[in-house]
Every structure is written in C-alpha cells, then in structure tokens.
C-alpha cells in the first residue's frame, strides 16, 4: 500500500457512490471496475476532488457535497421557452421527457420538458442534480505518483 496522500501529483483508484440525502443512489461503480483519475484532469468536479485531497489508499469516507460545490445551484436562466413547432411532429411532449437539443458550441445538450404553455414549451437545461446536495461515499483503492503505471 502506498503511503502517498492524494494530491495533484497522484493518480487515484477508487470506488464511489453518489447518493441524494434520501439515500437514493445516483451513480456508483461499486461491484464494477474501480475508477481512476488524476486531480485536476477534469474527470471529477472540483468540489468532489477537494474533499479527497490528503486521503490515503485503504481509507473509506463519506462526504456531503453542498449543491453549490457539486452540480451547482438551479438557474432560472436555464429554463428556456421553445416554440412547440420546433419539436419533431408526433413527439408526445409531456413534463419530465428528456430530449436532446443542438448545443450552441456544437454537440448535443439534454433538456427536460418542464411545462407546456400553449404554443410554447418550457425546457429545463439545468443539470438534473443541480440544486441537490450529494452524498459522496469513497473507498480509496490506490494512490500512486501520477507518472507511475
């Protein structure tokens, strides 16, 4: 086992579970292959990386990540009104339906039908976990110098 503590110069191998305060699991790799990342490589949000700094291989911890440090606060500006006619014919528009939209910078962006308003449809482009505190359970498998392996 490595005596290294997690820092930006390390590669970390871990198992994790992301849950909501009510215990419902959002994502987990427990029972699958462990995840690997190097702090600062963009694989983890900064709020999740920050709580791991200083941990060692073999440690198991649980952290509550505040919404602002997890997926951000919900932003009213991310609720957009789209004319109903812009949706493909035959699409049954119901609240909660997730659709893919062309992103301004290219690629695709998921949006959730929030509410139907006559000839307009309100679409929520907030991250589905925005505004939610996240419980982050981790089991640190290995901490190595980033240049190793």
N, C-alpha and C. Protein backbone atom coordinates (compact mmCIF):
# COMPACT_ATOMS: atom_id res chain seq x y z
N UNK A 1 0.83 -1.20 0.00
CA UNK A 1 0.00 0.00 0.00
C UNK A 1 0.86 1.25 0.00
N UNK A 2 0.43 2.19 -0.76
CA UNK A 2 1.19 3.43 -0.89
C UNK A 2 0.99 4.32 0.32
N UNK A 3 2.05 5.01 0.70
CA UNK A 3 1.96 5.97 1.79
C UNK A 3 1.64 7.36 1.25
N UNK A 4 1.52 7.46 -0.08
CA UNK A 4 1.22 8.76 -0.68
C UNK A 4 -0.18 9.22 -0.31
N UNK A 5 -0.31 10.52 -0.10
CA UNK A 5 -1.63 11.13 0.11
C UNK A 5 -2.10 11.67 -1.23
N UNK A 6 -3.41 11.70 -1.45
CA UNK A 6 -3.96 12.24 -2.68
C UNK A 6 -3.58 13.71 -2.81
N UNK A 7 -2.99 14.03 -3.96
CA UNK A 7 -2.59 15.41 -4.29
C UNK A 7 -2.66 15.53 -5.81
N UNK A 8 -2.46 16.74 -6.34
CA UNK A 8 -2.48 16.89 -7.80
C UNK A 8 -1.40 16.10 -8.53
N UNK A 9 -0.41 15.60 -7.83
CA UNK A 9 0.65 14.83 -8.48
C UNK A 9 0.42 13.33 -8.38
N UNK A 10 -0.81 12.91 -8.05
CA UNK A 10 -1.08 11.48 -7.88
C UNK A 10 -2.17 11.01 -8.83
N UNK A 11 -2.16 9.70 -9.07
CA UNK A 11 -3.25 9.02 -9.77
C UNK A 11 -4.00 8.23 -8.70
N UNK A 12 -5.31 8.38 -8.68
CA UNK A 12 -6.14 7.78 -7.64
C UNK A 12 -7.04 6.72 -8.26
N UNK A 13 -7.10 5.57 -7.61
CA UNK A 13 -8.02 4.50 -7.99
C UNK A 13 -9.02 4.37 -6.85
N UNK A 14 -10.32 4.40 -7.18
CA UNK A 14 -11.32 4.38 -6.11
C UNK A 14 -12.63 3.79 -6.57
N UNK A 15 -13.38 3.37 -5.58
CA UNK A 15 -14.80 3.02 -5.75
C UNK A 15 -15.57 4.18 -5.15
N UNK A 16 -16.73 4.50 -5.76
CA UNK A 16 -17.53 5.61 -5.26
C UNK A 16 -19.01 5.32 -5.42
N UNK A 17 -19.79 6.00 -4.61
CA UNK A 17 -21.25 6.03 -4.75
C UNK A 17 -21.69 7.46 -4.53
N UNK A 18 -22.52 7.96 -5.46
CA UNK A 18 -23.16 9.26 -5.30
C UNK A 18 -24.62 9.02 -4.98
N UNK A 19 -25.09 9.63 -3.88
CA UNK A 19 -26.47 9.46 -3.45
C UNK A 19 -27.07 10.81 -3.11
N UNK A 20 -28.39 10.84 -3.06
CA UNK A 20 -29.10 12.01 -2.57
C UNK A 20 -29.29 11.86 -1.07
N UNK A 21 -29.70 12.92 -0.42
CA UNK A 21 -29.89 12.89 1.04
C UNK A 21 -30.88 11.81 1.47
N UNK A 22 -31.85 11.47 0.60
CA UNK A 22 -32.84 10.44 0.96
C UNK A 22 -32.30 9.02 0.78
N UNK A 23 -31.03 8.91 0.35
CA UNK A 23 -30.41 7.59 0.20
C UNK A 23 -30.50 7.02 -1.20
N UNK A 24 -31.25 7.66 -2.10
CA UNK A 24 -31.35 7.11 -3.46
C UNK A 24 -30.02 7.30 -4.19
N UNK A 25 -29.56 6.20 -4.78
CA UNK A 25 -28.26 6.19 -5.45
C UNK A 25 -28.40 6.79 -6.85
N UNK A 26 -27.52 7.75 -7.14
CA UNK A 26 -27.49 8.42 -8.44
C UNK A 26 -26.49 7.74 -9.36
N UNK A 27 -25.33 7.37 -8.83
CA UNK A 27 -24.29 6.73 -9.63
C UNK A 27 -23.37 5.97 -8.69
N UNK A 28 -22.83 4.86 -9.17
CA UNK A 28 -21.90 4.07 -8.36
C UNK A 28 -21.10 3.15 -9.27
N UNK A 29 -19.86 2.90 -8.87
CA UNK A 29 -19.07 1.91 -9.58
C UNK A 29 -18.74 0.72 -8.66
N UNK A 30 -19.37 0.67 -7.50
CA UNK A 30 -19.16 -0.44 -6.57
C UNK A 30 -19.65 -1.72 -7.24
N UNK A 31 -18.83 -2.76 -7.20
CA UNK A 31 -19.17 -4.02 -7.86
C UNK A 31 -18.75 -4.04 -9.32
N UNK A 32 -18.14 -2.95 -9.78
CA UNK A 32 -17.64 -2.84 -11.16
C UNK A 32 -16.15 -2.55 -11.08
N UNK A 33 -15.58 -2.14 -12.19
CA UNK A 33 -14.16 -1.75 -12.19
C UNK A 33 -14.00 -0.44 -11.43
N UNK A 34 -12.92 -0.29 -10.67
CA UNK A 34 -12.71 0.97 -9.96
C UNK A 34 -12.40 2.09 -10.97
N UNK A 35 -12.70 3.32 -10.58
CA UNK A 35 -12.41 4.50 -11.40
C UNK A 35 -11.01 4.99 -11.10
N UNK A 36 -10.41 5.65 -12.09
CA UNK A 36 -9.10 6.28 -11.89
C UNK A 36 -9.17 7.72 -12.35
N UNK A 37 -8.48 8.60 -11.65
CA UNK A 37 -8.36 9.98 -12.07
C UNK A 37 -7.11 10.59 -11.48
N UNK A 38 -6.68 11.68 -12.07
CA UNK A 38 -5.59 12.50 -11.54
C UNK A 38 -6.23 13.82 -11.14
N UNK A 39 -6.11 14.26 -9.89
CA UNK A 39 -6.73 15.53 -9.51
C UNK A 39 -6.37 16.63 -10.52
N UNK A 40 -7.40 17.34 -10.96
CA UNK A 40 -7.21 18.41 -11.92
C UNK A 40 -7.37 17.98 -13.37
N UNK A 41 -7.60 16.68 -13.64
CA UNK A 41 -7.71 16.23 -15.03
C UNK A 41 -9.11 16.42 -15.62
N UNK A 42 -10.04 16.92 -14.80
CA UNK A 42 -11.38 17.19 -15.29
C UNK A 42 -12.35 16.03 -15.18
N UNK A 43 -11.88 14.89 -14.69
CA UNK A 43 -12.78 13.74 -14.54
C UNK A 43 -13.73 13.88 -13.36
N UNK A 44 -13.32 14.62 -12.35
CA UNK A 44 -14.18 14.88 -11.19
C UNK A 44 -14.38 16.38 -11.06
N UNK A 45 -15.57 16.75 -10.61
CA UNK A 45 -15.81 18.17 -10.34
C UNK A 45 -14.92 18.62 -9.19
N UNK A 46 -14.48 19.87 -9.20
CA UNK A 46 -13.57 20.36 -8.16
C UNK A 46 -14.07 20.15 -6.73
N UNK A 47 -15.36 20.28 -6.49
CA UNK A 47 -15.90 20.09 -5.14
C UNK A 47 -15.74 18.66 -4.64
N UNK A 48 -15.74 17.70 -5.56
CA UNK A 48 -15.54 16.30 -5.19
C UNK A 48 -14.05 16.02 -4.98
N UNK A 49 -13.22 16.60 -5.85
CA UNK A 49 -11.77 16.41 -5.70
C UNK A 49 -11.26 16.99 -4.38
N UNK A 50 -11.77 18.16 -4.02
CA UNK A 50 -11.25 18.87 -2.84
C UNK A 50 -11.36 18.04 -1.57
N UNK A 51 -12.44 17.28 -1.41
CA UNK A 51 -12.61 16.51 -0.17
C UNK A 51 -11.70 15.29 -0.13
N UNK A 52 -11.18 14.88 -1.29
CA UNK A 52 -10.31 13.70 -1.34
C UNK A 52 -8.85 14.02 -1.05
N UNK A 53 -8.46 15.27 -1.22
CA UNK A 53 -7.06 15.65 -1.01
C UNK A 53 -6.61 15.26 0.39
N UNK A 54 -5.47 14.62 0.47
CA UNK A 54 -4.92 14.20 1.76
C UNK A 54 -5.29 12.79 2.18
N UNK A 55 -6.26 12.16 1.50
CA UNK A 55 -6.63 10.78 1.84
C UNK A 55 -5.57 9.82 1.31
N UNK A 56 -5.55 8.62 1.89
CA UNK A 56 -4.58 7.58 1.52
C UNK A 56 -5.31 6.32 1.06
N UNK A 57 -4.57 5.45 0.37
CA UNK A 57 -5.11 4.15 -0.02
C UNK A 57 -5.61 3.42 1.21
N UNK A 58 -6.74 2.75 1.08
CA UNK A 58 -7.33 1.99 2.18
C UNK A 58 -8.36 2.78 2.98
N UNK A 59 -8.43 4.09 2.78
CA UNK A 59 -9.41 4.89 3.53
C UNK A 59 -10.78 4.82 2.87
N UNK A 60 -11.80 4.77 3.72
CA UNK A 60 -13.20 4.83 3.28
C UNK A 60 -13.83 6.01 4.00
N UNK A 61 -14.48 6.87 3.25
CA UNK A 61 -15.08 8.07 3.83
C UNK A 61 -16.41 8.38 3.17
N UNK A 62 -17.18 9.19 3.89
CA UNK A 62 -18.43 9.71 3.34
C UNK A 62 -18.43 11.22 3.52
N UNK A 63 -18.75 11.93 2.45
CA UNK A 63 -18.79 13.39 2.48
C UNK A 63 -20.14 13.84 1.94
N UNK A 64 -20.63 14.95 2.47
CA UNK A 64 -21.80 15.59 1.86
C UNK A 64 -21.28 16.81 1.11
N UNK A 65 -21.50 16.81 -0.18
CA UNK A 65 -21.06 17.90 -1.04
C UNK A 65 -22.26 18.83 -1.25
N UNK A 66 -22.12 20.09 -0.80
CA UNK A 66 -23.20 21.06 -0.96
C UNK A 66 -23.49 21.27 -2.44
N UNK A 67 -24.74 21.54 -2.76
CA UNK A 67 -25.16 21.71 -4.15
C UNK A 67 -24.24 22.66 -4.92
N UNK A 68 -23.87 23.77 -4.30
CA UNK A 68 -23.03 24.77 -4.98
C UNK A 68 -21.67 24.19 -5.37
N UNK A 69 -21.17 23.23 -4.60
CA UNK A 69 -19.87 22.61 -4.88
C UNK A 69 -20.00 21.32 -5.67
N UNK A 70 -21.23 20.86 -5.86
CA UNK A 70 -21.46 19.62 -6.61
C UNK A 70 -21.83 19.99 -8.05
N UNK A 71 -23.11 20.01 -8.36
CA UNK A 71 -23.56 20.29 -9.73
C UNK A 71 -24.13 21.69 -9.88
N UNK A 72 -23.91 22.54 -8.86
CA UNK A 72 -24.32 23.93 -8.94
C UNK A 72 -25.76 24.15 -8.51
N UNK A 73 -26.09 25.41 -8.34
CA UNK A 73 -27.46 25.78 -7.99
C UNK A 73 -28.32 25.74 -9.25
N UNK A 74 -29.61 25.53 -9.06
CA UNK A 74 -30.52 25.63 -10.20
C UNK A 74 -30.57 27.08 -10.65
N UNK A 75 -30.54 27.29 -11.93
CA UNK A 75 -30.55 28.63 -12.51
C UNK A 75 -31.83 28.83 -13.32
N UNK A 76 -32.61 29.84 -12.96
CA UNK A 76 -33.81 30.14 -13.74
C UNK A 76 -33.46 30.44 -15.19
N UNK A 77 -32.27 31.00 -15.41
CA UNK A 77 -31.84 31.32 -16.78
C UNK A 77 -31.71 30.07 -17.65
N UNK A 78 -31.63 28.89 -17.03
CA UNK A 78 -31.53 27.65 -17.79
C UNK A 78 -32.89 27.07 -18.15
N UNK A 79 -33.97 27.78 -17.80
CA UNK A 79 -35.31 27.41 -18.24
C UNK A 79 -35.57 28.22 -19.51
N UNK A 80 -35.73 27.54 -20.63
CA UNK A 80 -35.91 28.21 -21.91
C UNK A 80 -37.27 27.86 -22.51
N UNK A 81 -37.88 28.85 -23.13
CA UNK A 81 -39.15 28.61 -23.83
C UNK A 81 -38.86 28.37 -25.31
N UNK A 82 -39.39 27.27 -25.79
CA UNK A 82 -39.17 26.85 -27.17
C UNK A 82 -40.54 26.71 -27.84
N UNK A 83 -40.71 27.30 -29.04
CA UNK A 83 -41.99 27.13 -29.74
C UNK A 83 -42.28 25.65 -29.99
N UNK A 84 -43.52 25.25 -29.74
CA UNK A 84 -43.95 23.87 -29.90
C UNK A 84 -43.63 23.35 -31.31
N UNK A 85 -43.71 24.23 -32.30
CA UNK A 85 -43.50 23.84 -33.70
C UNK A 85 -42.06 23.41 -33.97
N UNK A 86 -41.13 23.73 -33.09
CA UNK A 86 -39.72 23.35 -33.29
C UNK A 86 -39.44 21.90 -32.90
N UNK A 87 -40.42 21.24 -32.29
CA UNK A 87 -40.26 19.84 -31.90
C UNK A 87 -40.71 18.95 -33.04
N UNK A 88 -40.08 17.78 -33.20
CA UNK A 88 -40.48 16.89 -34.29
C UNK A 88 -41.96 16.52 -34.21
N UNK A 89 -42.61 16.49 -35.37
CA UNK A 89 -44.02 16.11 -35.44
C UNK A 89 -44.20 14.73 -34.82
N UNK A 90 -45.24 14.58 -34.07
CA UNK A 90 -45.54 13.29 -33.46
C UNK A 90 -44.89 13.06 -32.10
N UNK A 91 -44.02 13.98 -31.67
CA UNK A 91 -43.39 13.84 -30.36
C UNK A 91 -44.41 14.18 -29.29
N UNK A 92 -44.65 13.23 -28.39
CA UNK A 92 -45.60 13.48 -27.29
C UNK A 92 -44.86 14.25 -26.20
N UNK A 93 -45.14 15.54 -26.14
CA UNK A 93 -44.47 16.41 -25.18
C UNK A 93 -45.17 16.32 -23.83
N UNK A 94 -44.47 15.75 -22.87
CA UNK A 94 -45.01 15.63 -21.51
C UNK A 94 -43.93 16.05 -20.53
N UNK A 95 -44.31 16.70 -19.42
CA UNK A 95 -43.31 17.08 -18.42
C UNK A 95 -42.50 15.87 -17.97
N UNK A 96 -41.18 16.08 -17.88
CA UNK A 96 -40.27 15.01 -17.47
C UNK A 96 -39.58 14.32 -18.64
N UNK A 97 -40.09 14.51 -19.86
CA UNK A 97 -39.49 13.90 -21.04
C UNK A 97 -38.13 14.55 -21.28
N UNK A 98 -37.10 13.72 -21.46
CA UNK A 98 -35.75 14.21 -21.75
C UNK A 98 -35.53 14.13 -23.26
N UNK A 99 -35.12 15.26 -23.83
CA UNK A 99 -34.85 15.33 -25.26
C UNK A 99 -33.44 15.87 -25.47
N UNK A 100 -32.89 15.62 -26.63
CA UNK A 100 -31.57 16.12 -26.97
C UNK A 100 -31.73 17.33 -27.88
N UNK A 101 -30.97 18.38 -27.57
CA UNK A 101 -31.02 19.62 -28.34
C UNK A 101 -29.63 19.92 -28.86
N UNK A 102 -29.56 20.61 -29.99
CA UNK A 102 -28.26 21.03 -30.53
C UNK A 102 -27.70 22.11 -29.62
N UNK A 103 -26.46 21.94 -29.18
CA UNK A 103 -25.81 22.93 -28.33
C UNK A 103 -25.18 24.01 -29.20
N UNK A 104 -25.16 25.24 -28.72
CA UNK A 104 -24.60 26.37 -29.48
C UNK A 104 -23.14 26.13 -29.86
N UNK A 105 -22.39 25.49 -28.96
CA UNK A 105 -20.96 25.25 -29.23
C UNK A 105 -20.73 23.94 -29.96
N UNK A 106 -21.77 23.34 -30.47
CA UNK A 106 -21.67 22.06 -31.16
C UNK A 106 -22.02 20.93 -30.21
N UNK A 107 -22.29 19.79 -30.74
CA UNK A 107 -22.67 18.65 -29.91
C UNK A 107 -24.12 18.74 -29.50
N UNK A 108 -24.44 17.98 -28.47
CA UNK A 108 -25.83 17.93 -28.02
C UNK A 108 -25.92 18.25 -26.53
N UNK A 109 -27.10 18.72 -26.15
CA UNK A 109 -27.37 19.12 -24.77
C UNK A 109 -28.72 18.54 -24.36
N UNK A 110 -28.77 17.80 -23.25
CA UNK A 110 -30.07 17.27 -22.83
C UNK A 110 -30.92 18.37 -22.20
N UNK A 111 -32.20 18.30 -22.46
CA UNK A 111 -33.16 19.21 -21.84
C UNK A 111 -34.37 18.41 -21.40
N UNK A 112 -34.99 18.85 -20.32
CA UNK A 112 -36.16 18.15 -19.78
C UNK A 112 -37.38 19.04 -19.98
N UNK A 113 -38.43 18.48 -20.55
CA UNK A 113 -39.68 19.23 -20.69
C UNK A 113 -40.16 19.56 -19.28
N UNK A 114 -40.25 20.84 -18.99
CA UNK A 114 -40.63 21.31 -17.66
C UNK A 114 -42.12 21.57 -17.58
N UNK A 115 -42.63 22.33 -18.59
CA UNK A 115 -44.06 22.59 -18.58
C UNK A 115 -44.51 23.00 -19.97
N UNK A 116 -45.80 22.70 -20.25
CA UNK A 116 -46.41 23.03 -21.53
C UNK A 116 -47.20 24.32 -21.32
N UNK A 117 -46.99 25.27 -22.24
CA UNK A 117 -47.60 26.59 -22.09
C UNK A 117 -48.22 27.01 -23.42
N UNK A 118 -49.34 26.38 -23.80
CA UNK A 118 -49.97 26.72 -25.07
C UNK A 118 -49.06 26.36 -26.23
N UNK A 119 -48.68 27.37 -27.04
CA UNK A 119 -47.83 27.09 -28.20
C UNK A 119 -46.34 27.13 -27.86
N UNK A 120 -46.03 27.27 -26.56
CA UNK A 120 -44.63 27.27 -26.10
C UNK A 120 -44.42 26.08 -25.16
N UNK A 121 -43.18 25.62 -25.13
CA UNK A 121 -42.79 24.52 -24.24
C UNK A 121 -41.61 25.03 -23.41
N UNK A 122 -41.72 24.94 -22.10
CA UNK A 122 -40.61 25.35 -21.24
C UNK A 122 -39.70 24.13 -21.03
N UNK A 123 -38.42 24.32 -21.39
CA UNK A 123 -37.44 23.24 -21.31
C UNK A 123 -36.40 23.62 -20.25
N UNK A 124 -36.09 22.67 -19.38
CA UNK A 124 -35.12 22.88 -18.29
C UNK A 124 -33.77 22.32 -18.73
N UNK A 125 -32.79 23.23 -18.87
CA UNK A 125 -31.44 22.81 -19.25
C UNK A 125 -30.50 22.75 -18.05
N UNK A 126 -31.02 22.86 -16.82
CA UNK A 126 -30.18 22.68 -15.64
C UNK A 126 -29.72 21.22 -15.59
N UNK A 127 -28.55 21.00 -14.98
CA UNK A 127 -28.12 19.61 -14.75
C UNK A 127 -29.19 18.97 -13.86
N UNK A 128 -29.55 17.70 -14.10
CA UNK A 128 -30.59 17.07 -13.29
C UNK A 128 -30.31 17.08 -11.79
N UNK A 129 -29.03 17.19 -11.40
CA UNK A 129 -28.68 17.20 -9.97
C UNK A 129 -28.39 18.60 -9.45
N UNK A 130 -28.60 19.62 -10.29
CA UNK A 130 -28.40 21.00 -9.83
C UNK A 130 -29.34 21.29 -8.67
N UNK A 131 -28.81 21.99 -7.68
CA UNK A 131 -29.61 22.35 -6.51
C UNK A 131 -29.73 21.25 -5.48
N UNK A 132 -29.06 20.13 -5.69
CA UNK A 132 -29.15 19.00 -4.76
C UNK A 132 -27.81 18.78 -4.07
N UNK A 133 -27.84 18.59 -2.75
CA UNK A 133 -26.65 18.17 -2.03
C UNK A 133 -26.40 16.71 -2.40
N UNK A 134 -25.14 16.33 -2.50
CA UNK A 134 -24.79 14.97 -2.91
C UNK A 134 -23.97 14.30 -1.80
N UNK A 135 -24.35 13.07 -1.46
CA UNK A 135 -23.58 12.26 -0.51
C UNK A 135 -22.59 11.46 -1.34
N UNK A 136 -21.31 11.62 -1.03
CA UNK A 136 -20.21 11.05 -1.80
C UNK A 136 -19.49 10.04 -0.92
N UNK A 137 -19.70 8.75 -1.18
CA UNK A 137 -19.01 7.67 -0.45
C UNK A 137 -17.83 7.22 -1.29
N UNK A 138 -16.67 7.14 -0.68
CA UNK A 138 -15.48 6.71 -1.42
C UNK A 138 -14.73 5.63 -0.66
N UNK A 139 -14.12 4.76 -1.43
CA UNK A 139 -13.21 3.72 -0.93
C UNK A 139 -11.96 3.86 -1.79
N UNK A 140 -10.90 4.41 -1.21
CA UNK A 140 -9.66 4.68 -1.94
C UNK A 140 -8.89 3.36 -2.06
N UNK A 141 -8.73 2.88 -3.28
CA UNK A 141 -8.06 1.61 -3.55
C UNK A 141 -6.55 1.82 -3.63
N UNK A 142 -6.13 2.86 -4.37
CA UNK A 142 -4.69 3.08 -4.57
C UNK A 142 -4.44 4.56 -4.82
N UNK A 143 -3.25 4.99 -4.37
CA UNK A 143 -2.75 6.34 -4.63
C UNK A 143 -1.31 6.17 -5.10
N UNK A 144 -1.05 6.58 -6.33
CA UNK A 144 0.29 6.42 -6.91
C UNK A 144 0.77 7.76 -7.46
N UNK A 145 2.06 7.89 -7.62
CA UNK A 145 2.59 9.08 -8.30
C UNK A 145 2.02 9.08 -9.71
N UNK A 146 1.62 10.22 -10.20
CA UNK A 146 0.92 10.31 -11.48
C UNK A 146 1.74 9.76 -12.64
N UNK A 147 3.05 9.75 -12.52
CA UNK A 147 3.90 9.24 -13.60
C UNK A 147 4.02 7.73 -13.63
N UNK A 148 3.56 7.04 -12.57
CA UNK A 148 3.71 5.58 -12.49
C UNK A 148 2.64 4.87 -13.30
N UNK A 149 2.86 3.60 -13.57
CA UNK A 149 1.86 2.69 -14.10
C UNK A 149 1.62 2.81 -15.51
